[in-house]
Amino acid sequence: MRLALPFGRTTREIELPDANVVKVLEARHAAAVSDPPAAVSHALAHPIACPPLGELARGHDEAVVVVCDMTRPVPNRVLLPPILRTLEDAGIPQEGITILVATGLHRPNQGAELEAMVGETVVRGYRIVNHRARVAAEQVHLGVTGRGTPIDIDAVYARAPLKITTGYIEPHLMAGFSGGRKVLAIGCGGERLIRAAHSPALVEHPNSIEGVIEDNVIHDELTEITRRAGMDFIVNVTLDRARAITGVFAGHFETAWARGCAFASRAVRDTVPEPCDIVVTSCGGFPQDCTYYQSAKGFTGAMHVAKPGGTILMLSACDEGFGGAHFRDLCRAVPSHEQFTRDFVEGDRSAIDQWCINNFTRALRKCSGILIDRGLTDEERAIMLPQGAVSFEAALESALARHGREATIAVIPDGPNVLAQVE
C-alpha cells in the first residue's frame, strides 16, 4: 500500500505491506462551503445565541480582533475582511480596530509571515500587535480561578470595549477541541497563566485528551478564565484536509463553539476494531509540523489506537527546527520520560514548555515511538523523547522486527485532524 502523508508544505510517500494494514483512519467527508466570504458574512449577521456583530459594534469606537499565530492553519485572510467591514459599517473607525496575534509563548509573527497570515491589505491598514506573554507589564491581572490559576490577560484585549476572536476547531490533545476559549486563555494569557493551565496535574487528568469536553479540567479552566475576561463574539471554522472551510460557527463563545465541536466530532472521528501493534501517522503538515515542539499534537492522537507496548511512527518535517530555547533546555534536562515523570509529574512541577514533554511522556508510557523528520540535527534528535530518524523505511523495519512480520498497522495520514478511537 502506497500512501502520501502531509510533510511540511508537501507530502512524503510511504509504502506499507498491504496484509498488515488494518485500516487507514481519515476524517469523514464534509463538503467545503461554496463561497467562504459569503458564508462568513452570513454567520456574522445570523450568529448563534447572541446579537449580530454589527449590532454589538454599534456605539463603540474601539474593538480588538484576536487571530491565531502562524502555527495554526486558520484562514484569517478569509475571516478578517468581513469582520473588519462589519465593524467599520457599524461606526468603528479603522484606526480604532486592533488585531491581536495570539502567540501564547510562541515567537511573534512579523513581516512577510504576517502578510501571509492576514493579507497585505490588513497589514498595511490596521494596527497589529503580537501578544507577549513574558512581559508582565503588558498583562492585566483579573484575579484567580477556583483552582488558583492567575488570570493574567493581554492588556490590549482586557481593556478593549468590544472583544472578537477567530479560530478553528479541531481535536486538541489536552483541551478536547481547539478554538473558542483557548485562543484567549492560552493565546493571550500571561506566562504565569499558561504555566498553571499546562501543569502536570491538569495535563495528566484522564479526561484531558482529544475529543473530550465533559469533566475535562483544562477545558473547564480555560472556560472560567474566558468568562472572567469576557469574549463578546467568536468566528470559528472547521476545515477539511485541504484546509478548505467546511463550517462557520459565529456568535456566543460557548454556544457557537459547542455547536462547532459537535460538527467537528462527527466529521473527524474514525475507528479501528481493536488496538494495533504499529500506528503510522503525521503531524498534519505545515504549519502544524514546523517544529519538534509542535509535534506532540500528532503523536498523542495515535496512542489511543495503539496496543500497550506498541510503536508509533510519526512523520513531522520540523523544517523550522527544534523549538524555543526554553524547550531545548528542558529536553536536555529530562532525557527520558521516566525522569520527566519523577521530576515533574510526581511533584506537579510546572515549567515553560513542560506541557509538550508531558504529552510525549503520556504516550511513551504506553508505546515506544519514532519521529521521522528532515529538519533536525543529530544533536537535536539525541535529546528528543521519541527516537529520532530520517528514514521512514528503516523506522518501519525496526517496528516490524520488534512486533513480528504479521504486526497489525493502523494509519492516520492527517494525525492531529482525526479523532482516532477504538470501536
Foldseek 3Di string as FASTA:
>chain_A
DWDWFAEAPGTDIDDDDPLQEQEAAWFADFDFDPDLLVQLLVCQCVAPPAHRPLVVLAPDQAEEEEEEAFLALFQQQSNPPSNLVSNVVNPHDQARYEYEYLQQCADDQDDPRVCVRHNPVPVVRHHYYYAHQAPQVQWDWLQADPVGQTLTFGPVLLPTPAAEYEEEWFWFAFQQIDDQLCSTQRSGGHPSNNQVLLWLVLRVPPQRGHNHHVPNVSNVRSVRSCVRSDHFKYWYFYAHLVRGTSHIHMGDSPPSVVVNSVVLCNRFEDEGQAAFQEEEEELSYPPQQLALLSGLLLVLLRLQRHAQAHEYEYERANQVYHGDPQLQVVLVVQQELVSCCVPGNVVRDTDVSNSSSSSVSVSVNRYAYEYAYNRYDPVSQNSDHHRYHPDPVVVVVVRCVVVHVNTHYYYHSRRNRHNYHHD
